Amino acid sequence: MSVDGEVRQLRTEADEPGWEVDPDDEWGVAVIATVGRQLKLRREAVGMRAGDFGKAVGYGEDLVYKIEGGKRIPRPEYLERADEVLGAGGLLAAMKEDVARVRYPKTVRDLAQMEARAVEIGVYVCSSVPGLLQTPEHARALLESWQPAYAPEDLERRVAARMARREIYDRSPAPALSFVLEEATLRRRVGGTMVRRQQFERLLEVGRMNNVTLQVMPMDSGPHSGMSGRIEVLKFEDGTAVGRSDGAFNGRPTHEPRQLRILELRYGTIRAQALPPGESLAFIEQLLGET
């Protein structure tokens, strides 16, 4: 194989969409800068030029420089291969976990951190299945409908970030979770038949957990206080809480006690108008049977 032929097979920036560092994510920038610096120091310590190292790990020289300069997020396999080539004894490969977190959009990462601390979470969403309840296929179908369209790598990054939040179900002690979904949302044909069936099955699985209350707001119900959009309330062990609503306080998270009481009142009213949990699960079973 010719040298030119070998270079053409190396990964370039065009092959790596969606792995840019978000300049507004200070933590992410710091992590990737640290990882890049460690990679460069290790490479220079063994006397390896960037071009030769790039060929060894399957990347073009320009992309190696960008990763070492903290401008690009290295893939997990890049860190694994770099660890082998540079004889780092697992130190570079061990950075994969922090690097993986950087790939998640900052807003999703911040939300996941709050969910991981919460002892009680209440969610109402008027136009979609809440992210904590979505299957990967349902999430992907939703994200594929967004405009402007996500690049394939960015779309998969967002799906992975949403699925990572499901670790909340494995926590011990388990938090108390409650969800209210609109019937119209459940009837919307997101994805094909199998995607819908899998989503209904996931809702039933989660809805039967001891720490979860899942309710459906029927289409023939009257107007309610959640019709302006999403409502979320998260409560923490130290007695503090945070909430947000699309239709209140500019949609921003709030810790202010008076505003939290308003959100709790609205969410409580919504739950009172929705079908009881048992009837809600029976209704979802009916939809599953019709799919």
Protein backbone atom coordinates (compact mmCIF):
# COMPACT_ATOMS: atom_id res chain seq x y z
CA MET A 1 0.00 0.00 0.00
CA SER A 2 1.37 3.45 -0.86
CA VAL A 3 1.94 6.13 1.73
CA ASP A 4 -0.67 8.31 0.03
CA GLY A 5 -3.13 5.45 0.04
CA GLU A 6 -2.54 4.92 3.73
CA VAL A 7 -3.10 8.59 4.56
CA ARG A 8 -6.40 8.67 2.69
CA GLN A 9 -7.73 5.98 5.04
CA LEU A 10 -6.95 7.95 8.19
CA ARG A 11 -9.80 9.68 9.97
CA THR A 12 -10.08 13.37 9.20
CA GLU A 13 -12.22 16.16 10.62
CA ALA A 14 -14.80 15.53 7.91
CA ASP A 15 -15.18 11.97 9.22
CA GLU A 16 -15.77 13.19 12.77
CA PRO A 17 -18.87 15.44 12.84
CA GLY A 18 -20.37 16.17 16.25
CA TRP A 19 -17.12 15.86 18.24
CA GLU A 20 -16.41 19.58 18.59
CA VAL A 21 -15.98 21.12 22.04
CA ASP A 22 -18.77 23.49 23.09
CA PRO A 23 -16.93 26.75 23.93
CA ASP A 24 -19.68 27.72 26.40
CA ASP A 25 -19.18 24.53 28.43
CA GLU A 26 -16.41 25.59 30.82
CA TRP A 27 -16.15 22.20 32.52
CA GLY A 28 -16.09 20.39 29.19
CA VAL A 29 -13.43 22.71 27.78
CA ALA A 30 -11.25 22.14 30.86
CA VAL A 31 -11.62 18.35 30.67
CA ILE A 32 -10.75 18.13 26.98
CA ALA A 33 -7.83 20.54 27.37
CA THR A 34 -6.43 18.35 30.18
CA VAL A 35 -6.88 15.17 28.18
CA GLY A 36 -5.27 16.74 25.12
CA ARG A 37 -2.29 17.94 27.16
CA GLN A 38 -1.78 14.46 28.63
CA LEU A 39 -1.91 12.90 25.18
CA LYS A 40 0.67 15.33 23.86
CA LEU A 41 3.03 14.87 26.84
CA ARG A 42 2.83 11.07 26.51
CA ARG A 43 3.49 11.23 22.76
CA GLU A 44 6.47 13.56 23.17
CA ALA A 45 7.84 11.47 26.04
CA VAL A 46 8.27 8.48 23.73
CA GLY A 47 9.72 10.67 20.96
CA MET A 48 6.85 10.09 18.50
CA ARG A 49 5.92 12.71 15.89
CA ALA A 50 2.26 13.65 15.52
CA GLY A 51 2.08 12.27 11.98
CA ASP A 52 3.51 8.89 12.96
CA PHE A 53 1.27 8.71 16.01
CA GLY A 54 -1.74 9.59 13.86
CA LYS A 55 -1.00 6.73 11.48
CA ALA A 56 -0.63 4.36 14.43
CA VAL A 57 -4.06 5.25 15.85
CA GLY A 58 -5.78 5.76 12.49
CA TYR A 59 -6.13 9.56 12.55
CA GLY A 60 -4.82 12.32 10.30
CA GLU A 61 -2.06 14.55 11.68
CA ASP A 62 -4.27 17.67 11.71
CA LEU A 63 -6.92 15.93 13.82
CA VAL A 64 -4.24 14.69 16.25
CA TYR A 65 -3.09 18.28 16.77
CA LYS A 66 -6.68 19.45 17.35
CA ILE A 67 -7.31 16.73 19.94
CA GLU A 68 -4.04 17.52 21.70
CA GLY A 69 -4.90 21.22 21.58
CA GLY A 70 -8.26 20.66 23.28
CA LYS A 71 -10.26 21.59 20.18
CA ARG A 72 -11.79 18.16 19.52
CA ILE A 73 -13.30 15.46 21.75
CA PRO A 74 -11.41 12.17 21.32
CA ARG A 75 -13.45 9.04 20.70
CA PRO A 76 -13.18 6.25 23.32
CA GLU A 77 -11.38 4.05 20.80
CA TYR A 78 -8.87 6.85 20.17
CA LEU A 79 -7.96 6.90 23.86
CA GLU A 80 -7.76 3.10 23.96
CA ARG A 81 -5.49 2.96 20.93
CA ALA A 82 -3.37 5.86 22.21
CA ASP A 83 -2.94 4.05 25.52
CA GLU A 84 -1.62 0.98 23.68
CA VAL A 85 0.64 2.86 21.26
CA LEU A 86 2.14 5.10 23.97
CA GLY A 87 2.38 2.37 26.63
CA ALA A 88 0.39 4.41 29.16
CA GLY A 89 -0.66 1.37 31.18
CA GLY A 90 -4.35 2.26 31.19
CA LEU A 91 -3.99 5.89 32.31
CA LEU A 92 -5.19 7.35 29.01
CA ALA A 93 -7.96 4.80 28.55
CA ALA A 94 -9.20 5.65 32.06
CA MET A 95 -10.13 9.13 30.82
CA LYS A 96 -12.95 7.72 28.69
CA GLU A 97 -15.63 8.20 31.35
CA ASP A 98 -15.06 11.94 31.80
CA VAL A 99 -14.65 12.45 28.07
CA ALA A 100 -17.93 10.63 27.43
CA ARG A 101 -19.74 13.08 29.73
CA VAL A 102 -18.39 16.04 27.75
CA ARG A 103 -20.16 14.73 24.65
CA TYR A 104 -23.52 15.18 26.35
CA PRO A 105 -24.98 18.67 25.82
CA LYS A 106 -24.40 20.79 28.94
CA THR A 107 -28.12 21.31 29.57
CA VAL A 108 -28.73 17.55 29.54
CA ARG A 109 -25.72 16.90 31.76
CA ASP A 110 -26.87 19.51 34.28
CA LEU A 111 -30.36 18.02 34.32
CA ALA A 112 -28.99 14.50 34.83
CA GLN A 113 -26.91 15.72 37.78
CA MET A 114 -29.97 17.24 39.44
CA GLU A 115 -32.03 14.10 38.79
CA ALA A 116 -29.27 12.00 40.35
CA ARG A 117 -29.60 13.99 43.61
CA ALA A 118 -33.39 14.26 43.72
CA VAL A 119 -35.47 12.20 46.15
CA GLU A 120 -38.72 13.16 44.46
CA ILE A 121 -39.43 14.13 40.83
CA GLY A 122 -42.71 15.16 39.24
CA VAL A 123 -43.01 15.69 35.49
CA TYR A 124 -45.84 16.76 33.21
CA VAL A 125 -45.20 17.16 29.48
CA CYS A 126 -48.00 18.22 27.18
CA SER A 127 -46.60 17.31 23.76
CA SER A 128 -44.21 14.36 24.11
CA VAL A 129 -43.25 11.39 26.26
CA PRO A 130 -40.88 12.62 29.02
CA GLY A 131 -37.24 11.85 28.33
CA LEU A 132 -36.94 9.59 31.39
CA LEU A 133 -39.65 7.35 29.90
CA GLN A 134 -38.46 7.19 26.29
CA THR A 135 -36.95 4.19 24.57
CA PRO A 136 -33.85 4.81 22.40
CA GLU A 137 -35.90 4.21 19.25
CA HIS A 138 -38.63 6.65 20.31
CA ALA A 139 -36.05 9.29 21.26
CA ARG A 140 -34.28 8.86 17.92
CA ALA A 141 -37.55 9.18 15.98
CA LEU A 142 -38.38 12.40 17.84
CA LEU A 143 -34.95 13.91 17.31
CA GLU A 144 -34.98 12.99 13.62
CA SER A 145 -38.06 15.19 13.19
CA TRP A 146 -36.39 18.34 14.52
CA GLN A 147 -35.41 21.20 12.22
CA PRO A 148 -32.74 22.09 11.37
CA ALA A 149 -31.76 18.44 11.23
CA TYR A 150 -29.04 17.13 13.51
CA ALA A 151 -25.90 15.66 11.99
CA PRO A 152 -25.93 11.86 12.45
CA GLU A 153 -23.19 11.95 15.09
CA ASP A 154 -24.89 14.76 17.01
CA LEU A 155 -28.21 12.93 16.91
CA GLU A 156 -26.68 9.77 18.36
CA ARG A 157 -24.92 11.87 20.98
CA ARG A 158 -28.24 13.29 22.12
CA VAL A 159 -29.94 9.90 22.15
CA ALA A 160 -27.10 8.49 24.27
CA ALA A 161 -27.34 11.43 26.66
CA ARG A 162 -31.07 10.94 27.09
CA MET A 163 -30.67 7.22 27.72
CA ALA A 164 -27.90 7.82 30.26
CA ARG A 165 -30.44 9.64 32.45
CA ARG A 166 -32.30 6.34 32.91
CA GLU A 167 -29.67 5.35 35.48
CA ILE A 168 -32.04 7.01 37.94
CA TYR A 169 -34.13 3.80 37.97
CA ASP A 170 -31.16 1.85 39.35
CA ARG A 171 -30.59 4.15 42.32
CA SER A 172 -30.86 2.85 45.87
CA PRO A 173 -32.77 4.12 47.69
CA ALA A 174 -35.03 4.78 44.73
CA PRO A 175 -36.47 8.28 44.29
CA ALA A 176 -40.23 8.81 44.13
CA LEU A 177 -41.15 9.51 40.51
CA SER A 178 -44.46 10.70 39.08
CA PHE A 179 -45.36 11.40 35.46
CA VAL A 180 -48.47 12.73 33.74
CA LEU A 181 -48.78 12.16 29.97
CA GLU A 182 -51.40 13.44 27.58
CA GLU A 183 -53.52 10.85 25.75
CA ALA A 184 -52.93 12.81 22.53
CA THR A 185 -49.18 12.29 22.98
CA LEU A 186 -49.61 8.54 23.32
CA ARG A 187 -51.74 8.40 20.17
CA ARG A 188 -49.24 10.35 18.07
CA ARG A 189 -47.52 8.00 15.63
CA VAL A 190 -43.89 8.52 16.52
CA GLY A 191 -41.83 5.97 14.62
CA GLY A 192 -43.19 2.76 13.13
CA THR A 193 -45.35 0.08 14.71
CA MET A 194 -42.48 -1.63 16.56
CA VAL A 195 -41.21 1.69 17.92
CA ARG A 196 -44.68 2.46 19.30
CA ARG A 197 -45.12 -1.01 20.76
CA GLN A 198 -41.73 -0.86 22.47
CA GLN A 199 -42.57 2.55 23.88
CA PHE A 200 -45.90 1.35 25.30
CA GLU A 201 -44.16 -1.68 26.80
CA ARG A 202 -41.56 0.58 28.39
CA LEU A 203 -44.28 2.79 29.87
CA LEU A 204 -45.98 -0.25 31.38
CA GLU A 205 -42.68 -1.58 32.74
CA VAL A 206 -41.80 1.71 34.43
CA GLY A 207 -45.38 2.41 35.52
CA ARG A 208 -45.46 -0.85 37.48
CA MET A 209 -42.39 0.02 39.54
CA ASN A 210 -43.11 0.56 43.24
CA ASN A 211 -41.53 4.02 43.28
CA VAL A 212 -43.26 5.28 40.10
CA THR A 213 -46.70 6.79 39.56
CA LEU A 214 -47.72 7.14 35.93
CA GLN A 215 -50.96 8.84 34.90
CA VAL A 216 -52.67 9.71 31.63
CA MET A 217 -54.63 12.90 31.01
CA PRO A 218 -57.62 11.86 28.83
CA MET A 219 -58.44 13.88 25.75
CA ASP A 220 -62.01 14.48 26.94
CA SER A 221 -60.82 16.20 30.14
CA GLY A 222 -61.43 19.90 30.66
CA PRO A 223 -58.77 22.62 30.51
CA HIS A 224 -56.04 22.35 33.13
CA SER A 225 -53.11 24.35 34.46
CA GLY A 226 -50.49 22.48 32.43
CA MET A 227 -51.79 23.34 28.98
CA SER A 228 -49.14 26.03 28.51
CA GLY A 229 -46.35 23.45 28.59
CA ARG A 230 -44.00 21.32 30.65
CA ILE A 231 -43.91 21.37 34.45
CA GLU A 232 -41.08 19.79 36.44
CA VAL A 233 -40.48 19.79 40.18
CA LEU A 234 -37.43 18.14 41.78
CA LYS A 235 -37.01 17.86 45.55
CA PHE A 236 -33.75 17.06 47.33
CA GLU A 237 -32.82 15.36 50.59
CA ASP A 238 -31.76 18.61 52.26
CA GLY A 239 -35.25 20.06 51.85
CA THR A 240 -34.42 22.28 48.88
CA ALA A 241 -36.16 22.02 45.52
CA VAL A 242 -36.02 23.29 41.95
CA GLY A 243 -38.78 23.58 39.39
CA ARG A 244 -39.53 24.99 35.98
CA SER A 245 -42.47 25.45 33.67
CA ASP A 246 -42.70 26.51 30.05
CA GLY A 247 -45.57 28.80 30.97
CA ALA A 248 -44.12 30.51 34.03
CA PHE A 249 -41.05 32.47 35.14
CA ASN A 250 -39.71 32.65 31.55
CA GLY A 251 -39.26 28.88 31.55
CA ARG A 252 -36.16 29.17 33.72
CA PRO A 253 -35.40 26.90 36.70
CA THR A 254 -36.45 28.45 39.98
CA HIS A 255 -35.53 27.82 43.61
CA GLU A 256 -37.73 30.60 44.98
CA PRO A 257 -40.22 29.17 47.53
CA ARG A 258 -43.23 31.16 46.33
CA GLN A 259 -42.69 30.17 42.70
CA LEU A 260 -42.16 26.55 43.70
CA ARG A 261 -45.47 26.55 45.56
CA ILE A 262 -47.18 27.78 42.39
CA LEU A 263 -45.64 24.97 40.34
CA GLU A 264 -46.54 22.37 42.97
CA LEU A 265 -50.12 23.64 43.02
CA ARG A 266 -50.37 23.40 39.24
CA TYR A 267 -48.81 19.95 39.14
CA GLY A 268 -51.07 18.72 41.93
CA THR A 269 -54.12 19.98 40.06
CA ILE A 270 -53.01 18.20 36.89
CA ARG A 271 -52.56 14.92 38.77
CA ALA A 272 -56.03 15.28 40.31
CA GLN A 273 -57.62 15.68 36.85
CA ALA A 274 -55.70 12.80 35.21
CA LEU A 275 -56.77 9.16 35.27
CA PRO A 276 -55.74 7.22 38.41
CA PRO A 277 -52.55 5.13 38.00
CA GLY A 278 -54.40 1.80 37.64
CA GLU A 279 -56.75 3.13 34.97
CA SER A 280 -53.82 4.83 33.23
CA LEU A 281 -51.87 1.57 32.93
CA ALA A 282 -55.00 -0.21 31.69
CA PHE A 283 -55.42 2.48 29.06
CA ILE A 284 -51.81 2.06 27.89
CA GLU A 285 -52.35 -1.69 27.70
CA GLN A 286 -55.36 -1.01 25.50
CA LEU A 287 -53.27 1.19 23.19
CA LEU A 288 -50.62 -1.53 23.03
CA GLY A 289 -53.26 -4.05 22.01
CA GLU A 290 -54.49 -1.73 19.27
CA THR A 291 -51.00 -1.17 17.84
